[in-house]
Amino acid sequence: MAQPNYQYEKRQKELAKKKKKEEKLQRKSAGKDDLPEGDEAQAELGETPDSEPSEIVGTEHPSEQP
């Protein structure tokens, strides 16, 4: 009876994992290509480039109190 070639099976499994990982990275990078480079960080924060920073009303720094 023939013996199983475990090294071959392991190598094939590793190659399949590597291929799947590369495809996943390509899909992720393809999704980010839709945004201009400067807007990537803002998109992650949920902000738009033309939005103004939100201002919290009613909070003052303790040193500014009379």
C-alpha atoms as a PDB file:
ATOM      1  CA  MET A   1       0.000   0.000   0.000  1.00  0.00           C
ATOM      2  CA  ALA A   2       1.286   3.489  -0.857  1.00  0.00           C
ATOM      3  CA  GLN A   3       2.134   5.900   1.913  1.00  0.00           C
ATOM      4  CA  PRO A   4       0.559   9.382   1.932  1.00  0.00           C
ATOM      5  CA  ASN A   5       2.846  12.263   1.017  1.00  0.00           C
ATOM      6  CA  TYR A   6       2.231  14.645   3.895  1.00  0.00           C
ATOM      7  CA  GLN A   7       4.766  17.225   2.744  1.00  0.00           C
ATOM      8  CA  TYR A   8       2.993  17.585  -0.606  1.00  0.00           C
ATOM      9  CA  GLU A   9      -0.396  17.976   1.097  1.00  0.00           C
ATOM     10  CA  LYS A  10       1.003  20.555   3.509  1.00  0.00           C
ATOM     11  CA  ARG A  11       2.587  22.560   0.683  1.00  0.00           C
ATOM     12  CA  GLN A  12      -0.664  22.545  -1.305  1.00  0.00           C
ATOM     13  CA  LYS A  13      -2.573  23.743   1.750  1.00  0.00           C
ATOM     14  CA  GLU A  14      -0.054  26.554   2.331  1.00  0.00           C
ATOM     15  CA  LEU A  15      -0.279  27.635  -1.312  1.00  0.00           C
ATOM     16  CA  ALA A  16      -4.078  27.718  -1.125  1.00  0.00           C
ATOM     17  CA  LYS A  17      -3.935  29.873   2.023  1.00  0.00           C
ATOM     18  CA  LYS A  18      -1.435  32.244   0.407  1.00  0.00           C
ATOM     19  CA  LYS A  19      -3.562  32.587  -2.727  1.00  0.00           C
ATOM     20  CA  LYS A  20      -6.709  33.259  -0.700  1.00  0.00           C
ATOM     21  CA  LYS A  21      -4.910  35.883   1.402  1.00  0.00           C
ATOM     22  CA  GLU A  22      -3.593  37.680  -1.701  1.00  0.00           C
ATOM     23  CA  GLU A  23      -7.062  37.723  -3.264  1.00  0.00           C
ATOM     24  CA  LYS A  24      -8.490  39.199  -0.068  1.00  0.00           C
ATOM     25  CA  LEU A  25      -5.849  41.948  -0.035  1.00  0.00           C
ATOM     26  CA  GLN A  26      -6.618  42.747  -3.674  1.00  0.00           C
ATOM     27  CA  ARG A  27     -10.333  43.032  -2.919  1.00  0.00           C
ATOM     28  CA  LYS A  28      -9.611  45.339   0.020  1.00  0.00           C
ATOM     29  CA  SER A  29      -7.258  47.534  -2.002  1.00  0.00           C
ATOM     30  CA  ALA A  30      -9.753  47.651  -4.882  1.00  0.00           C
ATOM     31  CA  GLY A  31     -12.375  49.026  -2.496  1.00  0.00           C
ATOM     32  CA  LYS A  32     -10.039  51.741  -1.260  1.00  0.00           C
ATOM     33  CA  ASP A  33      -9.106  52.809  -4.800  1.00  0.00           C
ATOM     34  CA  ASP A  34     -12.536  54.426  -5.145  1.00  0.00           C
ATOM     35  CA  LEU A  35     -11.501  57.180  -2.713  1.00  0.00           C
ATOM     36  CA  PRO A  36      -8.932  59.898  -3.420  1.00  0.00           C
ATOM     37  CA  GLU A  37      -5.758  59.479  -1.370  1.00  0.00           C
ATOM     38  CA  GLY A  38      -6.338  62.401   1.007  1.00  0.00           C
ATOM     39  CA  ASP A  39      -9.873  61.336   1.845  1.00  0.00           C
ATOM     40  CA  GLU A  40      -9.075  57.815   3.086  1.00  0.00           C
ATOM     41  CA  ALA A  41      -8.468  58.849   6.688  1.00  0.00           C
ATOM     42  CA  GLN A  42     -11.572  61.038   6.721  1.00  0.00           C
ATOM     43  CA  ALA A  43     -13.694  58.228   5.290  1.00  0.00           C
ATOM     44  CA  GLU A  44     -12.543  55.939   8.080  1.00  0.00           C
ATOM     45  CA  LEU A  45     -13.650  58.530  10.626  1.00  0.00           C
ATOM     46  CA  GLY A  46     -17.001  58.990   8.919  1.00  0.00           C
ATOM     47  CA  GLU A  47     -16.331  62.583   7.956  1.00  0.00           C
ATOM     48  CA  THR A  48     -16.645  64.215   4.580  1.00  0.00           C
ATOM     49  CA  PRO A  49     -13.974  66.557   3.214  1.00  0.00           C
ATOM     50  CA  ASP A  50     -16.304  69.573   3.169  1.00  0.00           C
ATOM     51  CA  SER A  51     -17.735  69.049   6.653  1.00  0.00           C
ATOM     52  CA  GLU A  52     -16.704  71.499   9.337  1.00  0.00           C
ATOM     53  CA  PRO A  53     -15.365  70.239  12.657  1.00  0.00           C
ATOM     54  CA  SER A  54     -18.125  69.866  15.194  1.00  0.00           C
ATOM     55  CA  GLU A  55     -17.960  72.219  18.115  1.00  0.00           C
ATOM     56  CA  ILE A  56     -19.059  71.183  21.582  1.00  0.00           C
ATOM     57  CA  VAL A  57     -21.188  73.926  23.083  1.00  0.00           C
ATOM     58  CA  GLY A  58     -21.167  74.657  26.784  1.00  0.00           C
ATOM     59  CA  THR A  59     -17.787  73.281  27.669  1.00  0.00           C
ATOM     60  CA  GLU A  60     -15.152  75.715  28.751  1.00  0.00           C
ATOM     61  CA  HIS A  61     -11.635  75.181  29.894  1.00  0.00           C
ATOM     62  CA  PRO A  62     -11.334  75.580  33.707  1.00  0.00           C
ATOM     63  CA  SER A  63      -8.660  78.274  33.345  1.00  0.00           C
ATOM     64  CA  GLU A  64     -11.026  80.426  31.272  1.00  0.00           C
ATOM     65  CA  GLN A  65     -13.608  80.747  34.072  1.00  0.00           C
ATOM     66  CA  PRO A  66     -13.705  84.167  35.863  1.00  0.00           C
END
